[in-house]
N, C-alpha and C. Protein backbone atom coordinates (compact mmCIF):
# COMPACT_ATOMS: atom_id res chain seq x y z
N MET A 1 116.20 106.71 91.56
CA MET A 1 116.77 106.29 92.84
C MET A 1 116.32 104.87 93.17
N ALA A 2 117.21 104.16 93.80
CA ALA A 2 116.90 102.80 94.23
C ALA A 2 116.03 102.85 95.48
N LYS A 3 115.25 101.81 95.66
CA LYS A 3 114.40 101.70 96.85
C LYS A 3 115.03 100.68 97.80
N LEU A 4 114.91 100.94 99.08
CA LEU A 4 115.38 100.03 100.12
C LEU A 4 114.23 99.68 101.04
N LYS A 5 114.21 98.43 101.49
CA LYS A 5 113.25 98.01 102.51
C LYS A 5 114.03 97.91 103.81
N ILE A 6 113.63 98.70 104.81
CA ILE A 6 114.30 98.65 106.10
C ILE A 6 113.33 98.13 107.14
N THR A 7 113.81 97.22 107.98
CA THR A 7 113.00 96.59 109.02
C THR A 7 113.72 96.74 110.34
N GLN A 8 113.03 97.21 111.36
CA GLN A 8 113.62 97.32 112.69
C GLN A 8 113.56 95.93 113.34
N VAL A 9 114.73 95.38 113.70
CA VAL A 9 114.77 94.05 114.28
C VAL A 9 115.24 94.04 115.73
N LYS A 10 115.75 95.16 116.22
CA LYS A 10 116.16 95.26 117.62
C LYS A 10 115.51 96.49 118.24
N SER A 11 115.31 96.42 119.54
CA SER A 11 114.63 97.48 120.27
C SER A 11 115.51 98.71 120.45
N ALA A 12 114.87 99.85 120.60
CA ALA A 12 115.58 101.11 120.84
C ALA A 12 115.71 101.40 122.34
N ILE A 13 115.25 100.48 123.17
CA ILE A 13 115.37 100.66 124.62
C ILE A 13 116.85 100.63 124.99
N ASP A 14 117.24 101.51 125.90
CA ASP A 14 118.64 101.63 126.36
C ASP A 14 119.59 102.06 125.24
N ARG A 15 119.09 102.74 124.24
CA ARG A 15 119.93 103.31 123.19
C ARG A 15 120.00 104.81 123.41
N PRO A 16 121.03 105.46 122.89
CA PRO A 16 121.11 106.92 123.03
C PRO A 16 119.92 107.61 122.36
N GLU A 17 119.56 108.75 122.88
CA GLU A 17 118.41 109.51 122.37
C GLU A 17 118.56 109.80 120.88
N ARG A 18 119.77 110.05 120.46
CA ARG A 18 120.01 110.37 119.04
C ARG A 18 119.63 109.20 118.13
N GLN A 19 119.91 107.98 118.57
CA GLN A 19 119.54 106.81 117.77
C GLN A 19 118.03 106.62 117.75
N LYS A 20 117.37 106.91 118.87
CA LYS A 20 115.91 106.82 118.91
C LYS A 20 115.28 107.82 117.93
N LEU A 21 115.83 109.02 117.90
CA LEU A 21 115.32 110.05 116.98
C LEU A 21 115.58 109.67 115.53
N THR A 22 116.71 109.02 115.26
CA THR A 22 117.01 108.58 113.90
C THR A 22 116.00 107.53 113.45
N LEU A 23 115.67 106.59 114.32
CA LEU A 23 114.65 105.59 113.97
C LEU A 23 113.31 106.25 113.69
N LYS A 24 112.96 107.24 114.50
CA LYS A 24 111.70 107.96 114.31
C LYS A 24 111.70 108.69 112.96
N ALA A 25 112.84 109.29 112.61
CA ALA A 25 112.94 110.00 111.34
C ALA A 25 112.84 109.05 110.15
N LEU A 26 113.27 107.81 110.34
CA LEU A 26 113.14 106.81 109.28
C LEU A 26 111.72 106.24 109.20
N GLY A 27 110.89 106.57 110.17
CA GLY A 27 109.51 106.10 110.17
C GLY A 27 109.32 104.77 110.85
N LEU A 28 110.31 104.38 111.67
CA LEU A 28 110.22 103.10 112.37
C LEU A 28 109.93 103.37 113.84
N ASN A 29 108.89 102.73 114.38
CA ASN A 29 108.57 102.95 115.77
C ASN A 29 108.24 101.66 116.52
N LYS A 30 108.18 100.53 115.84
CA LYS A 30 107.90 99.24 116.46
C LYS A 30 108.82 98.19 115.85
N LEU A 31 109.00 97.11 116.58
CA LEU A 31 109.80 96.01 116.06
C LEU A 31 109.08 95.34 114.89
N ASN A 32 109.87 94.85 113.96
CA ASN A 32 109.39 94.10 112.79
C ASN A 32 108.48 94.92 111.88
N VAL A 33 108.60 96.23 111.94
CA VAL A 33 107.88 97.11 111.02
C VAL A 33 108.79 97.38 109.84
N THR A 34 108.27 97.26 108.62
CA THR A 34 109.07 97.47 107.41
C THR A 34 108.60 98.72 106.71
N LYS A 35 109.57 99.53 106.28
CA LYS A 35 109.29 100.73 105.48
C LYS A 35 110.09 100.66 104.21
N GLU A 36 109.55 101.19 103.14
CA GLU A 36 110.26 101.28 101.87
C GLU A 36 110.65 102.74 101.67
N VAL A 37 111.96 102.98 101.49
CA VAL A 37 112.47 104.34 101.39
C VAL A 37 113.37 104.47 100.17
N GLU A 38 113.52 105.69 99.69
CA GLU A 38 114.46 105.99 98.62
C GLU A 38 115.89 105.95 99.15
N ALA A 39 116.83 105.52 98.36
CA ALA A 39 118.23 105.42 98.78
C ALA A 39 118.97 106.73 98.50
N THR A 40 118.56 107.80 99.18
CA THR A 40 119.25 109.08 99.04
C THR A 40 120.45 109.11 99.99
N PRO A 41 121.41 109.99 99.78
CA PRO A 41 122.56 110.07 100.69
C PRO A 41 122.15 110.35 102.13
N GLN A 42 121.11 111.14 102.35
CA GLN A 42 120.66 111.46 103.70
C GLN A 42 120.10 110.21 104.38
N ILE A 43 119.28 109.46 103.68
CA ILE A 43 118.70 108.24 104.23
C ILE A 43 119.78 107.20 104.49
N LEU A 44 120.73 107.06 103.56
CA LEU A 44 121.81 106.09 103.75
C LEU A 44 122.65 106.44 104.97
N GLY A 45 122.86 107.73 105.23
CA GLY A 45 123.59 108.15 106.41
C GLY A 45 122.85 107.80 107.69
N MET A 46 121.52 107.98 107.69
CA MET A 46 120.73 107.63 108.86
C MET A 46 120.75 106.12 109.09
N ILE A 47 120.65 105.36 108.01
CA ILE A 47 120.69 103.90 108.13
C ILE A 47 122.03 103.45 108.69
N ARG A 48 123.10 104.08 108.25
CA ARG A 48 124.44 103.71 108.72
C ARG A 48 124.59 103.92 110.23
N LYS A 49 123.93 104.95 110.78
CA LYS A 49 124.03 105.24 112.20
C LYS A 49 123.29 104.22 113.08
N VAL A 50 122.27 103.57 112.55
CA VAL A 50 121.50 102.61 113.34
C VAL A 50 121.44 101.24 112.68
N THR A 51 122.45 100.92 111.89
CA THR A 51 122.46 99.67 111.14
C THR A 51 122.42 98.45 112.06
N HIS A 52 122.90 98.57 113.30
CA HIS A 52 122.89 97.46 114.24
C HIS A 52 121.47 97.14 114.74
N LEU A 53 120.51 98.01 114.45
CA LEU A 53 119.13 97.80 114.88
C LEU A 53 118.23 97.41 113.70
N LEU A 54 118.76 97.42 112.48
CA LEU A 54 117.96 97.26 111.28
C LEU A 54 118.37 96.05 110.45
N LYS A 55 117.44 95.64 109.58
CA LYS A 55 117.73 94.72 108.50
C LYS A 55 117.41 95.50 107.22
N VAL A 56 118.37 95.57 106.30
CA VAL A 56 118.20 96.37 105.09
C VAL A 56 118.24 95.45 103.87
N GLU A 57 117.26 95.62 102.97
CA GLU A 57 117.17 94.83 101.75
C GLU A 57 116.88 95.74 100.57
N GLU A 58 117.26 95.27 99.38
CA GLU A 58 116.88 95.98 98.15
C GLU A 58 115.39 95.72 97.92
N ALA A 59 114.70 96.74 97.43
CA ALA A 59 113.26 96.59 97.18
C ALA A 59 113.01 96.20 95.74
């Protein structure tokens, strides 16, 4: 599986609760925090739902 580096670049304030929970499930809880994750279909679906809050790069 490919690895992705995801970084939260926008705040979750004033976002729907579902998007906040998705960020939490991805392991992101602060701005400018980077996590390295596997590119599974489940993770890609979560990234797609909050892509406007993230920066995604190949690892």
